[in-house]
């Protein structure tokens, strides 16, 4: 059964969740020279995965984040769980 487009739309809370991941942004933004994310990043990411996993997909969409002036290095972002 296919999902309707409205069922796949991100909730407005996804931008709030992006702001809550601010400790991760310095690591995942393109051009970052950090070798590891700031310490609070991991609990913030874990909280997002637990509370709003659908927002993680939205936040990993380069077009969605670019609209807000955030250029995410997807390779670094995908390494965050490690």
Protein backbone atom coordinates (compact mmCIF):
# COMPACT_ATOMS: atom_id res chain seq x y z
CA UNK A 1 0.00 0.00 0.00
CA UNK A 2 1.47 3.36 -1.04
CA UNK A 3 1.49 6.28 1.35
CA UNK A 4 -0.24 9.45 0.28
CA UNK A 5 1.97 12.54 -0.12
CA UNK A 6 0.36 14.16 2.91
CA UNK A 7 1.31 11.17 5.06
CA UNK A 8 4.96 11.69 4.13
CA UNK A 9 5.04 15.43 4.80
CA UNK A 10 7.29 16.49 7.69
CA UNK A 11 5.72 18.05 10.73
CA UNK A 12 6.52 21.67 11.61
CA UNK A 13 8.37 20.35 14.69
CA UNK A 14 11.17 19.16 12.40
CA UNK A 15 12.68 22.65 12.30
CA UNK A 16 12.54 22.80 16.09
CA UNK A 17 14.33 19.46 16.13
CA UNK A 18 16.99 20.86 13.80
CA UNK A 19 17.58 23.70 16.23
CA UNK A 20 17.81 21.18 19.07
CA UNK A 21 20.65 19.49 17.17
CA UNK A 22 22.74 22.65 17.14
CA UNK A 23 25.59 20.88 18.95
CA UNK A 24 25.80 18.50 15.99
CA UNK A 25 25.65 21.17 13.29
CA UNK A 26 29.19 22.41 13.84
CA UNK A 27 30.42 18.90 13.04
CA UNK A 28 28.15 18.03 10.09
CA UNK A 29 28.17 21.32 8.23
CA UNK A 30 30.20 21.34 5.03
CA UNK A 31 33.75 22.54 5.52
CA UNK A 32 33.92 21.67 9.22
CA UNK A 33 37.37 20.74 10.49
CA UNK A 34 36.12 19.12 13.69
CA UNK A 35 37.24 15.52 14.18
CA UNK A 36 34.28 14.67 16.41
CA UNK A 37 30.99 16.35 17.32
CA UNK A 38 30.54 18.35 20.53
CA UNK A 39 29.74 16.17 23.54
CA UNK A 40 26.02 17.14 23.78
CA UNK A 41 25.44 16.03 20.16
CA UNK A 42 25.00 12.33 20.88
CA UNK A 43 22.20 12.71 23.46
CA UNK A 44 20.50 15.27 21.20
CA UNK A 45 20.63 12.88 18.24
CA UNK A 46 19.42 9.96 20.39
CA UNK A 47 16.51 12.08 21.58
CA UNK A 48 15.53 12.88 18.01
CA UNK A 49 15.70 9.23 16.96
CA UNK A 50 13.49 8.29 19.92
CA UNK A 51 10.96 11.12 19.74
CA UNK A 52 10.70 12.06 16.04
CA UNK A 53 12.53 9.66 13.73
CA UNK A 54 10.54 10.94 10.74
CA UNK A 55 12.24 14.30 11.20
CA UNK A 56 15.64 12.69 10.78
CA UNK A 57 14.76 11.89 7.17
CA UNK A 58 13.59 15.45 6.64
CA UNK A 59 16.74 16.89 8.17
CA UNK A 60 18.94 14.70 5.97
CA UNK A 61 17.34 16.22 2.86
CA UNK A 62 19.96 18.67 1.55
CA UNK A 63 17.27 20.73 -0.17
CA UNK A 64 15.27 21.15 3.05
CA UNK A 65 18.25 22.28 5.11
CA UNK A 66 19.71 24.43 2.32
CA UNK A 67 16.48 26.44 2.38
CA UNK A 68 17.52 27.51 5.88
CA UNK A 69 21.10 28.31 4.91
CA UNK A 70 22.55 25.11 6.33
CA UNK A 71 24.89 23.12 4.10
CA UNK A 72 25.21 19.62 5.56
CA UNK A 73 28.03 17.25 4.65
CA UNK A 74 25.99 14.07 4.28
CA UNK A 75 29.00 11.78 4.69
CA UNK A 76 29.73 13.29 8.11
CA UNK A 77 26.07 13.33 9.09
CA UNK A 78 25.68 9.64 8.32
CA UNK A 79 28.67 8.87 10.55
CA UNK A 80 27.05 10.49 13.59
CA UNK A 81 25.68 7.26 15.04
CA UNK A 82 29.26 6.02 15.35
